[in-house]
Amino acid sequence: MTHIDFVDQTLRDGQQSLWGMRMRAYEAAEALPYIDRTGFRVVDLTGAGMFTVLLRSFADDPWATTDFLVSKLGNNILRSGLRTISVIGFAHTPDSIIDLWVKTLIKHGVPSFWIYDCLYDMPTMHRLARVIHDEGGIPVPAVMYGYTDVHDDQFFAERAKEMTTWNGVESVYIEDAAGVLKPERAATLLPAIRAATGDIPLELHCHNTTGLAQLNYVEGLKAGFTVLHTCSRPMANGPSLPSTEGMLPILEDMGFTHSLDVNQLEPVANNFRRAAAEAGYELGVQAEYDPRIYRHQLPGGMTGTLKSQLAQYGMTDRLPQVLEAIPQVRDELGQPIMATPFSQFVGIQAVLNVVTGDRYKIVPDEVIHYTLGHYGPLPKPVDPDVADRILSSPRADEIRKWERPQPTLKEIRKRFPAGISDEELLLRFMTSDEEVDAMLAKGPIRTDPRRSANEIVRYVQDLVREPCTMTSLAISTPQVSVNLRKSVNKE
């Protein structure tokens, strides 16, 4: 019988898809020992986007958060994700910073990196794989699936085959970020990739946006894929991935084996149900099939972003128009695969086209860079009329002269206070001095999962709203003590 391994995505893509990367150390704390003992092949842990959210939203030190998570997951290989030309945001990051980021994460106990480039600039991806390998890490190159007219099965299979030839590559990773892979396409695509890649392990990572991801996993298992990406059930489904709990009966029914300790799954689920309730975050819900997703192909997290952008203009009611505009913009821009950053480029341009009423009157710099090929080789040329409009502005004339900056690390260090750590240098380079200063002023991150005073007050309020026979209640923590006694009206 074939043995199937699992990559746990609860702490990274599950909370990214459902919580917008806002998971803090203490919210995961009680789940970590159980995740550690479950028996995953890899635990996907973090990424630059999570660093940004922790720093900007909470002034939490993302390095300290990473260290805390790593310290509780000693039985697992830990992983981070990385684009080939950027660490944080959409702007190009100098290679010297990308390389330092890799080196520093490995130093902190995260040696595995899934790396991706949705324009398939293969020499640039190979360079990053080589850096990771040379630093003692494990490169896991990703084939990012897109539902387009220009990416056929052979295209994806050839890229996967090339990835297997790179030093240090122990597996290849296939991802459907937008959740638009259909089982009938999976039945041809996944065997083609398997046939092209020999016997190297293949990982499958499908978002359950249309409710079809489990069926795609079944096709992957039939094709010879042996590593599945899943989440704890509360952090699974919808825009997230299938649940670990839901895949196990399928494996067993198909005659596959696994090494997961199923007794560890429910305590993890309980932790995240509670954490979501206390923070007001969503839990994953099985999605209903919606064919419109195949037209706009938005990754789950992008819908919230578009709503926020429309709210800035007081136009939240125009989201349906934006969703209708996205397929045309995507086609005009050469059908890029809808994953970061190109899903953002297409979505933002569609918003601007709708709110201005004058298509391509306003064009972000990133779309100009994309049109000029600065992000990599385009799947197909941008529509000529659209390209003319995008490139006719004075700003486009400036960007034509742009060259990717490649300062050395020594040159970059001169911009910042002498003697700061690599960790602080990376944060200051990728975010801002003000945000890092606020983080340092705040002090240590919270790792204790105990409930705060406000949470206790909410708990008590919930209790007293319901009919209850209790006559007294006492709750105490190191920070607060609450003693309540039922009063008796003697009148």
Protein backbone atom coordinates (compact mmCIF):
# COMPACT_ATOMS: atom_id res chain seq x y z
CA MET A 1 0.00 0.00 0.00
CA THR A 2 1.21 3.52 -0.80
CA HIS A 3 2.05 5.71 2.16
CA ILE A 4 0.79 9.31 2.15
CA ASP A 5 2.43 12.17 4.04
CA PHE A 6 0.86 15.46 5.10
CA VAL A 7 2.02 19.07 5.22
CA ASP A 8 0.13 20.96 7.91
CA GLN A 9 -1.09 24.39 6.76
CA THR A 10 -3.04 25.35 9.91
CA LEU A 11 -0.51 27.89 11.14
CA ARG A 12 0.24 29.47 7.76
CA ASP A 13 -2.16 29.19 4.84
CA GLY A 14 -5.19 28.23 6.91
CA GLN A 15 -4.97 31.31 9.09
CA GLN A 16 -3.84 33.39 6.11
CA SER A 17 -6.95 32.41 4.13
CA LEU A 18 -9.43 32.78 7.01
CA TRP A 19 -7.84 35.23 9.46
CA GLY A 20 -5.84 37.47 7.12
CA MET A 21 -2.52 36.34 8.69
CA ARG A 22 -3.49 37.80 12.08
CA MET A 23 -2.69 34.74 14.18
CA ARG A 24 -0.62 35.73 17.19
CA ALA A 25 1.68 33.52 19.23
CA TYR A 26 -0.64 33.07 22.20
CA GLU A 27 -3.55 32.11 19.93
CA ALA A 28 -1.61 29.08 18.69
CA ALA A 29 0.16 28.26 21.96
CA GLU A 30 -2.07 25.49 23.29
CA ALA A 31 -2.27 23.76 19.90
CA LEU A 32 1.48 23.57 19.28
CA PRO A 33 2.32 20.49 21.41
CA TYR A 34 -0.42 18.52 19.65
CA ILE A 35 0.64 19.66 16.17
CA ASP A 36 4.20 18.70 17.09
CA ARG A 37 3.17 15.14 17.98
CA THR A 38 0.79 14.53 15.07
CA GLY A 39 3.41 13.23 12.64
CA PHE A 40 3.36 15.71 9.76
CA ARG A 41 6.05 15.57 7.08
CA VAL A 42 6.35 19.37 7.28
CA VAL A 43 4.62 22.17 9.17
CA ASP A 44 4.26 25.30 7.02
CA LEU A 45 4.89 28.00 9.57
CA THR A 46 5.28 31.55 8.34
CA GLY A 47 6.10 33.97 5.58
CA ALA A 48 6.93 37.59 4.95
CA GLY A 49 3.26 38.56 4.76
CA MET A 50 2.68 37.20 8.25
CA PHE A 51 5.70 39.19 9.48
CA THR A 52 4.19 42.37 8.04
CA VAL A 53 0.74 41.86 9.59
CA LEU A 54 2.11 41.01 13.04
CA LEU A 55 4.31 44.11 12.99
CA ARG A 56 1.81 46.58 11.55
CA SER A 57 -1.40 45.37 13.17
CA PHE A 58 -0.16 44.46 16.64
CA ALA A 59 3.42 45.75 16.98
CA ASP A 60 4.33 42.12 17.72
CA ASP A 61 7.93 41.13 17.04
CA PRO A 62 7.61 38.61 14.18
CA TRP A 63 11.04 37.14 14.90
CA ALA A 64 10.07 36.49 18.51
CA THR A 65 6.78 34.99 17.29
CA THR A 66 8.69 32.70 14.94
CA ASP A 67 11.10 31.66 17.70
CA PHE A 68 8.20 30.81 20.00
CA LEU A 69 6.47 28.68 17.37
CA VAL A 70 9.72 26.96 16.41
CA SER A 71 10.52 26.15 20.05
CA LYS A 72 7.27 24.19 20.39
CA LEU A 73 7.56 22.25 17.11
CA GLY A 74 10.89 20.51 17.51
CA ASN A 75 9.76 17.24 15.94
CA ASN A 76 8.94 18.82 12.59
CA ILE A 77 10.60 20.31 9.54
CA LEU A 78 9.33 23.88 9.36
CA ARG A 79 8.66 25.81 6.16
CA SER A 80 8.23 29.34 4.86
CA GLY A 81 7.13 30.68 1.48
CA LEU A 82 9.06 33.09 -0.73
CA ARG A 83 8.61 34.76 -4.10
CA THR A 84 11.66 34.82 -6.34
CA ILE A 85 12.05 38.60 -6.61
CA SER A 86 10.34 40.02 -3.54
CA VAL A 87 10.11 39.46 0.19
CA ILE A 88 7.49 41.94 1.43
CA GLY A 89 5.06 43.82 -0.79
CA PHE A 90 5.09 44.01 -4.57
CA ALA A 91 8.28 46.00 -5.14
CA HIS A 92 11.42 44.21 -6.26
CA THR A 93 13.71 43.26 -3.37
CA PRO A 94 17.49 43.28 -3.90
CA ASP A 95 19.01 39.82 -4.09
CA SER A 96 21.22 40.68 -1.12
CA ILE A 97 18.15 41.14 1.09
CA ILE A 98 16.41 38.03 -0.26
CA ASP A 99 19.53 36.01 0.47
CA LEU A 100 19.83 37.46 3.99
CA TRP A 101 16.16 36.67 4.61
CA VAL A 102 16.79 33.02 3.67
CA LYS A 103 19.91 32.80 5.82
CA THR A 104 18.20 34.40 8.82
CA LEU A 105 15.08 32.22 8.70
CA ILE A 106 17.27 29.11 8.53
CA LYS A 107 19.17 30.41 11.57
CA HIS A 108 15.82 30.70 13.38
CA GLY A 109 14.93 27.07 12.66
CA VAL A 110 12.92 27.32 9.41
CA PRO A 111 14.99 25.43 6.80
CA SER A 112 12.36 24.57 4.17
CA PHE A 113 11.20 27.14 1.58
CA TRP A 114 8.50 26.74 -1.01
CA ILE A 115 9.42 29.19 -3.77
CA TYR A 116 7.26 30.46 -6.57
CA ASP A 117 7.15 32.72 -9.59
CA CYS A 118 3.82 32.87 -11.41
CA LEU A 119 5.51 34.16 -14.58
CA TYR A 120 7.90 31.21 -14.47
CA ASP A 121 11.16 33.13 -14.74
CA MET A 122 13.03 29.85 -14.36
CA PRO A 123 16.62 31.20 -14.15
CA THR A 124 15.58 33.53 -11.32
CA MET A 125 13.76 30.72 -9.50
CA HIS A 126 16.80 28.46 -9.97
CA ARG A 127 19.05 31.14 -8.46
CA LEU A 128 16.89 31.26 -5.33
CA ALA A 129 16.80 27.46 -5.06
CA ARG A 130 20.59 27.44 -5.24
CA VAL A 131 20.88 30.08 -2.50
CA ILE A 132 18.58 28.09 -0.20
CA HIS A 133 20.52 24.89 -0.83
CA ASP A 134 23.91 26.57 -0.32
CA GLU A 135 22.72 27.99 3.02
CA GLY A 136 21.77 24.50 4.22
CA GLY A 137 18.05 24.82 3.52
CA ILE A 138 15.60 22.78 1.46
CA PRO A 139 14.20 24.41 -1.72
CA VAL A 140 10.71 23.29 -2.70
CA PRO A 141 9.90 24.87 -6.08
CA ALA A 142 6.23 25.39 -6.80
CA VAL A 143 4.21 24.88 -9.95
CA MET A 144 1.46 27.49 -9.61
CA TYR A 145 -1.64 26.38 -11.50
CA GLY A 146 -3.73 28.82 -13.51
CA TYR A 147 -6.88 28.34 -15.55
CA THR A 148 -5.87 30.13 -18.76
CA ASP A 149 -5.71 29.75 -22.52
CA VAL A 150 -1.91 29.76 -22.54
CA HIS A 151 -0.91 27.30 -19.80
CA ASP A 152 -1.60 23.74 -20.94
CA ASP A 153 -0.64 20.49 -19.22
CA GLN A 154 2.63 20.32 -21.14
CA PHE A 155 3.63 23.81 -19.97
CA PHE A 156 3.25 22.90 -16.30
CA ALA A 157 4.82 19.45 -16.73
CA GLU A 158 7.91 20.87 -18.45
CA ARG A 159 8.48 23.41 -15.67
CA ALA A 160 8.06 20.71 -13.02
CA LYS A 161 10.56 18.50 -14.82
CA GLU A 162 13.13 21.29 -14.92
CA MET A 163 12.67 21.93 -11.19
CA THR A 164 13.58 18.33 -10.37
CA THR A 165 17.07 18.86 -11.84
CA TRP A 166 18.04 21.58 -9.36
CA ASN A 167 20.41 20.70 -6.53
CA GLY A 168 18.76 20.17 -3.17
CA VAL A 169 15.21 19.77 -4.50
CA GLU A 170 13.62 16.85 -2.62
CA SER A 171 10.03 17.42 -3.73
CA VAL A 172 8.02 19.58 -6.13
CA TYR A 173 4.94 21.43 -5.01
CA ILE A 174 1.81 22.00 -7.12
CA GLU A 175 -0.54 24.73 -5.90
CA ASP A 176 -4.00 25.86 -6.99
CA ALA A 177 -4.13 29.20 -5.14
CA ALA A 178 -7.41 30.40 -6.63
CA GLY A 179 -9.17 27.07 -6.17
CA VAL A 180 -10.03 26.78 -9.86
CA LEU A 181 -8.59 23.37 -10.69
CA LYS A 182 -11.43 21.09 -11.77
CA PRO A 183 -11.29 17.33 -11.25
CA GLU A 184 -11.51 16.67 -15.00
CA ARG A 185 -8.45 18.92 -15.57
CA ALA A 186 -6.69 17.39 -12.56
CA ALA A 187 -7.19 13.98 -14.20
CA THR A 188 -4.96 15.04 -17.11
CA LEU A 189 -2.68 17.64 -15.52
CA LEU A 190 -1.51 15.70 -12.47
CA PRO A 191 -0.60 12.48 -14.35
CA ALA A 192 1.31 14.63 -16.88
CA ILE A 193 3.34 16.22 -14.09
CA ARG A 194 3.90 12.82 -12.46
CA ALA A 195 5.13 11.33 -15.73
CA ALA A 196 7.52 14.24 -16.33
CA THR A 197 9.12 14.24 -12.89
CA GLY A 198 10.22 10.63 -12.39
CA ASP A 199 9.97 9.35 -8.84
CA ILE A 200 10.53 12.56 -6.86
CA PRO A 201 7.80 13.14 -4.23
CA LEU A 202 5.05 15.49 -5.43
CA GLU A 203 3.06 17.71 -3.06
CA LEU A 204 -0.49 18.89 -3.79
CA HIS A 205 -1.91 22.10 -2.34
CA CYS A 206 -5.45 23.01 -3.49
CA HIS A 207 -7.67 25.69 -2.00
CA ASN A 208 -11.25 24.58 -1.49
CA THR A 209 -12.83 27.75 -2.90
CA THR A 210 -15.30 25.85 -5.08
CA GLY A 211 -15.66 22.82 -2.81
CA LEU A 212 -13.80 20.58 -5.27
CA ALA A 213 -10.35 20.38 -3.68
CA GLN A 214 -10.88 16.96 -2.10
CA LEU A 215 -11.83 15.57 -5.51
CA ASN A 216 -8.62 17.04 -6.92
CA TYR A 217 -6.71 15.35 -4.11
CA VAL A 218 -8.32 12.05 -5.10
CA GLU A 219 -7.06 12.58 -8.67
CA GLY A 220 -3.62 13.42 -7.28
CA LEU A 221 -3.55 10.22 -5.24
CA LYS A 222 -4.53 8.22 -8.32
CA ALA A 223 -1.72 9.90 -10.28
CA GLY A 224 0.95 9.07 -7.70
CA PHE A 225 1.14 12.22 -5.58
CA THR A 226 2.19 11.23 -2.06
CA VAL A 227 2.08 14.50 -0.06
CA LEU A 228 -1.14 16.40 0.67
CA HIS A 229 -1.52 19.86 2.23
CA THR A 230 -4.33 20.16 4.78
CA CYS A 231 -5.46 22.15 7.82
CA SER A 232 -7.11 21.49 11.15
CA ARG A 233 -10.86 21.48 10.47
CA PRO A 234 -11.69 24.92 11.98
CA MET A 235 -8.96 26.46 9.80
CA ALA A 236 -9.90 24.51 6.67
CA ASN A 237 -12.31 24.79 3.74
CA GLY A 238 -13.84 27.80 2.05
CA PRO A 239 -10.90 29.84 0.75
CA SER A 240 -8.58 27.61 2.81
CA LEU A 241 -7.55 24.01 2.11
CA PRO A 242 -9.27 20.68 2.82
CA SER A 243 -9.23 19.48 6.42
CA THR A 244 -6.89 16.79 7.65
CA GLU A 245 -9.85 15.16 9.39
CA GLY A 246 -11.82 15.03 6.14
CA MET A 247 -9.01 13.52 4.06
CA LEU A 248 -8.18 10.60 6.36
CA PRO A 249 -11.35 8.56 5.67
CA ILE A 250 -10.79 9.10 1.94
CA LEU A 251 -7.23 7.75 2.19
CA GLU A 252 -8.35 4.74 4.14
CA ASP A 253 -11.18 4.02 1.69
CA MET A 254 -8.71 4.19 -1.23
CA GLY A 255 -6.31 1.80 0.53
CA PHE A 256 -3.54 4.28 1.38
CA THR A 257 -1.66 4.42 4.68
CA HIS A 258 -0.49 7.40 6.76
CA SER A 259 1.44 8.03 9.99
CA LEU A 260 -0.71 10.69 11.65
CA ASP A 261 -1.71 10.27 15.27
CA VAL A 262 -5.40 11.06 15.00
CA ASN A 263 -5.68 11.53 18.77
CA GLN A 264 -3.80 14.83 18.40
CA LEU A 265 -6.26 16.37 15.94
CA GLU A 266 -9.18 17.33 18.19
CA PRO A 267 -7.13 19.31 20.76
CA VAL A 268 -5.75 21.39 17.87
CA ALA A 269 -9.25 21.97 16.52
CA ASN A 270 -10.50 22.96 19.98
CA ASN A 271 -7.73 25.53 20.33
CA PHE A 272 -8.54 27.27 17.08
CA ARG A 273 -12.30 27.20 17.62
CA ARG A 274 -11.73 29.00 20.89
CA ALA A 275 -9.14 31.41 19.49
CA ALA A 276 -11.43 32.33 16.59
CA ALA A 277 -14.37 32.97 18.92
CA GLU A 278 -12.31 35.14 21.25
CA ALA A 279 -10.79 37.21 18.43
CA GLY A 280 -13.93 37.40 16.28
CA TYR A 281 -12.35 35.54 13.35
CA GLU A 282 -14.06 33.24 10.88
CA LEU A 283 -13.98 29.47 10.94
CA GLY A 284 -13.77 27.54 7.73
CA VAL A 285 -17.03 26.47 6.11
CA GLN A 286 -17.40 24.11 3.17
CA ALA A 287 -17.96 26.27 0.10
CA GLU A 288 -20.87 25.89 -2.27
CA TYR A 289 -19.94 25.45 -5.90
CA ASP A 290 -20.05 28.79 -7.72
CA PRO A 291 -19.07 28.81 -11.44
CA ARG A 292 -18.43 32.57 -11.35
CA ILE A 293 -15.16 31.87 -9.52
CA TYR A 294 -13.76 30.41 -12.74
CA ARG A 295 -14.25 33.76 -14.44
CA HIS A 296 -12.65 36.08 -11.88
CA GLN A 297 -10.34 33.44 -10.28
CA LEU A 298 -9.71 35.55 -7.18
CA PRO A 299 -7.79 33.92 -4.35
CA GLY A 300 -9.91 33.95 -1.19
CA GLY A 301 -8.04 36.72 0.60
CA MET A 302 -8.39 39.10 -2.33
CA THR A 303 -12.16 39.50 -1.95
CA GLY A 304 -11.72 41.23 1.40
CA THR A 305 -9.03 43.45 -0.08
CA LEU A 306 -11.30 44.58 -2.90
CA LYS A 307 -14.12 45.33 -0.47
CA SER A 308 -11.75 47.51 1.58
CA GLN A 309 -10.62 49.39 -1.50
CA LEU A 310 -14.19 50.04 -2.63
CA ALA A 311 -15.10 51.19 0.88
CA GLN A 312 -12.49 53.96 0.54
CA TYR A 313 -14.57 55.36 -2.30
CA GLY A 314 -17.93 54.66 -0.62
CA MET A 315 -18.70 52.11 -3.34
CA THR A 316 -18.95 48.77 -1.58
CA ASP A 317 -22.15 48.09 -3.51
CA ARG A 318 -20.12 47.97 -6.73
CA LEU A 319 -18.23 44.78 -5.88
CA PRO A 320 -20.31 42.76 -8.40
CA GLN A 321 -19.20 45.20 -11.14
CA VAL A 322 -15.57 44.74 -10.12
CA LEU A 323 -15.91 40.96 -10.20
CA GLU A 324 -17.39 41.26 -13.69
CA ALA A 325 -14.53 43.57 -14.76
CA ILE A 326 -11.74 41.31 -13.53
CA PRO A 327 -11.90 38.67 -16.32
CA GLN A 328 -11.58 41.34 -19.02
CA VAL A 329 -8.65 43.03 -17.26
CA ARG A 330 -6.97 39.69 -16.74
CA ASP A 331 -7.33 38.81 -20.41
CA GLU A 332 -6.10 42.23 -21.52
CA LEU A 333 -3.01 41.85 -19.32
CA GLY A 334 -2.04 38.57 -20.95
CA GLN A 335 -3.78 36.09 -18.62
CA PRO A 336 -1.35 35.99 -15.71
CA ILE A 337 -1.88 33.21 -13.20
CA MET A 338 -4.06 34.59 -10.42
CA ALA A 339 -1.79 34.39 -7.41
CA THR A 340 0.34 36.98 -5.62
CA PRO A 341 1.19 39.53 -6.90
CA PHE A 342 -0.69 39.29 -10.20
CA SER A 343 -4.11 38.66 -8.71
CA GLN A 344 -3.61 41.94 -6.82
CA PHE A 345 -2.54 43.79 -9.97
CA VAL A 346 -5.59 42.59 -11.89
CA GLY A 347 -7.99 43.20 -9.01
CA ILE A 348 -6.73 46.70 -8.22
CA GLN A 349 -6.81 47.71 -11.88
CA ALA A 350 -10.39 46.43 -12.16
CA VAL A 351 -11.37 48.54 -9.12
CA LEU A 352 -9.80 51.65 -10.67
CA ASN A 353 -11.51 51.00 -14.00
CA VAL A 354 -14.89 50.73 -12.26
CA VAL A 355 -14.63 53.65 -9.84
CA THR A 356 -13.22 56.11 -12.40
CA GLY A 357 -15.52 55.03 -15.21
CA ASP A 358 -12.57 55.53 -17.59
CA ARG A 359 -10.68 52.31 -18.16
CA TYR A 360 -6.92 52.57 -17.56
CA LYS A 361 -7.14 56.29 -16.84
CA ILE A 362 -5.32 55.52 -13.59
CA VAL A 363 -2.72 52.77 -13.71
CA PRO A 364 -0.62 51.72 -10.69
CA ASP A 365 3.14 51.66 -11.11
CA GLU A 366 3.13 47.91 -10.59
CA VAL A 367 0.90 47.37 -13.64
CA ILE A 368 3.25 49.52 -15.72
CA HIS A 369 6.23 47.49 -14.51
CA TYR A 370 4.34 44.30 -15.33
CA THR A 371 3.47 45.51 -18.84
CA LEU A 372 7.13 46.36 -19.46
CA GLY A 373 8.19 42.85 -18.43
CA HIS A 374 9.95 43.89 -15.25
CA TYR A 375 8.32 41.08 -13.24
CA GLY A 376 9.31 38.40 -15.72
CA PRO A 377 8.23 36.95 -19.09
CA LEU A 378 4.54 37.58 -19.80
CA PRO A 379 2.32 34.57 -20.60
CA LYS A 380 1.24 36.39 -23.74
CA PRO A 381 1.51 40.03 -24.86
CA VAL A 382 -0.69 42.65 -23.27
CA ASP A 383 -3.56 43.71 -25.54
CA PRO A 384 -1.99 46.30 -27.91
CA ASP A 385 -4.64 48.98 -27.33
CA VAL A 386 -4.41 48.54 -23.57
CA ALA A 387 -0.62 48.53 -23.67
CA ASP A 388 -0.68 51.80 -25.61
CA ARG A 389 -2.88 53.38 -22.97
CA ILE A 390 -0.83 52.04 -20.05
CA LEU A 391 2.47 53.14 -21.57
CA SER A 392 1.41 56.55 -22.88
CA SER A 393 1.71 58.42 -19.57
CA PRO A 394 4.71 60.46 -18.40
CA ARG A 395 4.99 58.07 -15.46
CA ALA A 396 5.38 55.15 -17.87
CA ASP A 397 8.20 57.03 -19.62
CA GLU A 398 10.00 57.25 -16.27
CA ILE A 399 9.48 53.58 -15.49
CA ARG A 400 10.80 52.55 -18.92
CA LYS A 401 14.24 53.66 -17.71
CA TRP A 402 13.98 51.63 -14.50
CA GLU A 403 16.52 48.96 -13.65
CA ARG A 404 16.16 46.62 -10.73
CA PRO A 405 18.27 47.98 -7.85
CA GLN A 406 20.89 45.54 -6.62
CA PRO A 407 22.76 47.21 -3.76
CA THR A 408 25.13 45.06 -1.78
CA LEU A 409 24.42 44.23 1.84
CA LYS A 410 27.29 46.47 2.86
CA GLU A 411 25.72 49.39 0.99
CA ILE A 412 22.34 48.72 2.58
CA ARG A 413 23.79 48.58 6.09
CA LYS A 414 25.09 52.12 5.69
CA ARG A 415 21.48 53.39 5.62
CA PHE A 416 20.72 52.09 9.10
CA PRO A 417 22.13 52.45 12.61
CA ALA A 418 25.47 50.71 13.04
CA GLY A 419 25.48 47.41 14.86
CA ILE A 420 21.82 46.43 14.48
CA SER A 421 21.07 42.73 14.07
CA ASP A 422 20.26 41.09 10.76
CA GLU A 423 16.72 40.60 12.06
CA GLU A 424 16.22 44.29 12.79
CA LEU A 425 17.88 45.29 9.52
CA LEU A 426 15.45 43.13 7.55
CA LEU A 427 12.43 44.57 9.35
CA ARG A 428 13.60 48.17 8.91
CA PHE A 429 14.41 47.63 5.23
CA MET A 430 11.09 45.93 4.44
CA THR A 431 8.73 48.01 6.58
CA SER A 432 9.53 51.32 8.28
CA ASP A 433 11.55 52.74 11.14
CA GLU A 434 8.36 53.95 12.82
CA GLU A 435 6.81 50.49 12.85
CA VAL A 436 9.97 48.83 14.14
CA ASP A 437 10.40 51.50 16.82
CA ALA A 438 6.82 50.90 17.97
CA MET A 439 7.52 47.17 18.15
CA LEU A 440 10.66 47.69 20.23
CA ALA A 441 8.88 50.11 22.56
CA LYS A 442 6.06 47.63 23.15
CA GLY A 443 8.31 44.97 24.61
CA PRO A 444 7.99 41.16 24.62
CA ILE A 445 5.21 39.44 22.70
CA ARG A 446 2.40 37.70 24.54
CA THR A 447 2.74 33.93 24.46
CA ASP A 448 0.56 33.02 27.45
CA PRO A 449 -2.85 31.74 26.23
CA ARG A 450 -4.59 32.74 29.47
CA ARG A 451 -7.65 34.90 29.00
CA SER A 452 -7.48 38.65 29.42
CA ALA A 453 -9.70 40.69 31.73
CA ASN A 454 -11.88 41.81 28.83
CA GLU A 455 -12.37 38.21 27.75
CA ILE A 456 -13.44 37.25 31.28
CA VAL A 457 -15.94 40.11 31.37
CA ARG A 458 -17.44 38.93 28.06
CA TYR A 459 -17.63 35.40 29.43
CA VAL A 460 -19.47 36.58 32.55
CA GLN A 461 -21.83 38.67 30.45
CA ASP A 462 -22.68 35.63 28.36
CA LEU A 463 -23.36 33.62 31.51
CA VAL A 464 -25.75 36.10 33.08
CA ARG A 465 -27.77 36.48 29.88
CA GLU A 466 -28.87 32.86 30.13
CA PRO A 467 -31.18 31.31 32.76
CA CYS A 468 -28.89 30.00 35.47
CA THR A 469 -29.23 28.41 38.93
CA MET A 470 -25.80 29.55 40.12
CA THR A 471 -25.77 31.87 43.14
CA SER A 472 -22.07 32.82 43.01
CA LEU A 473 -19.14 32.87 40.61
CA ALA A 474 -15.44 33.46 41.23
CA ILE A 475 -12.80 33.80 38.49
CA SER A 476 -9.19 34.78 39.05
CA THR A 477 -6.04 35.20 36.98
CA PRO A 478 -2.68 36.77 37.84
CA GLN A 479 -4.07 40.04 36.42
CA VAL A 480 -7.65 40.15 37.62
CA SER A 481 -10.09 38.66 40.08
CA VAL A 482 -13.87 38.62 39.67
CA ASN A 483 -16.27 37.61 42.47
CA LEU A 484 -20.01 37.70 41.84
CA ARG A 485 -22.86 36.80 44.17
CA LYS A 486 -26.50 36.71 43.26
CA SER A 487 -28.43 39.42 45.01
CA VAL A 488 -31.82 38.67 46.60
CA ASN A 489 -34.57 41.24 46.27
CA LYS A 490 -36.38 41.27 49.68
CA GLU A 491 -39.14 43.63 48.65
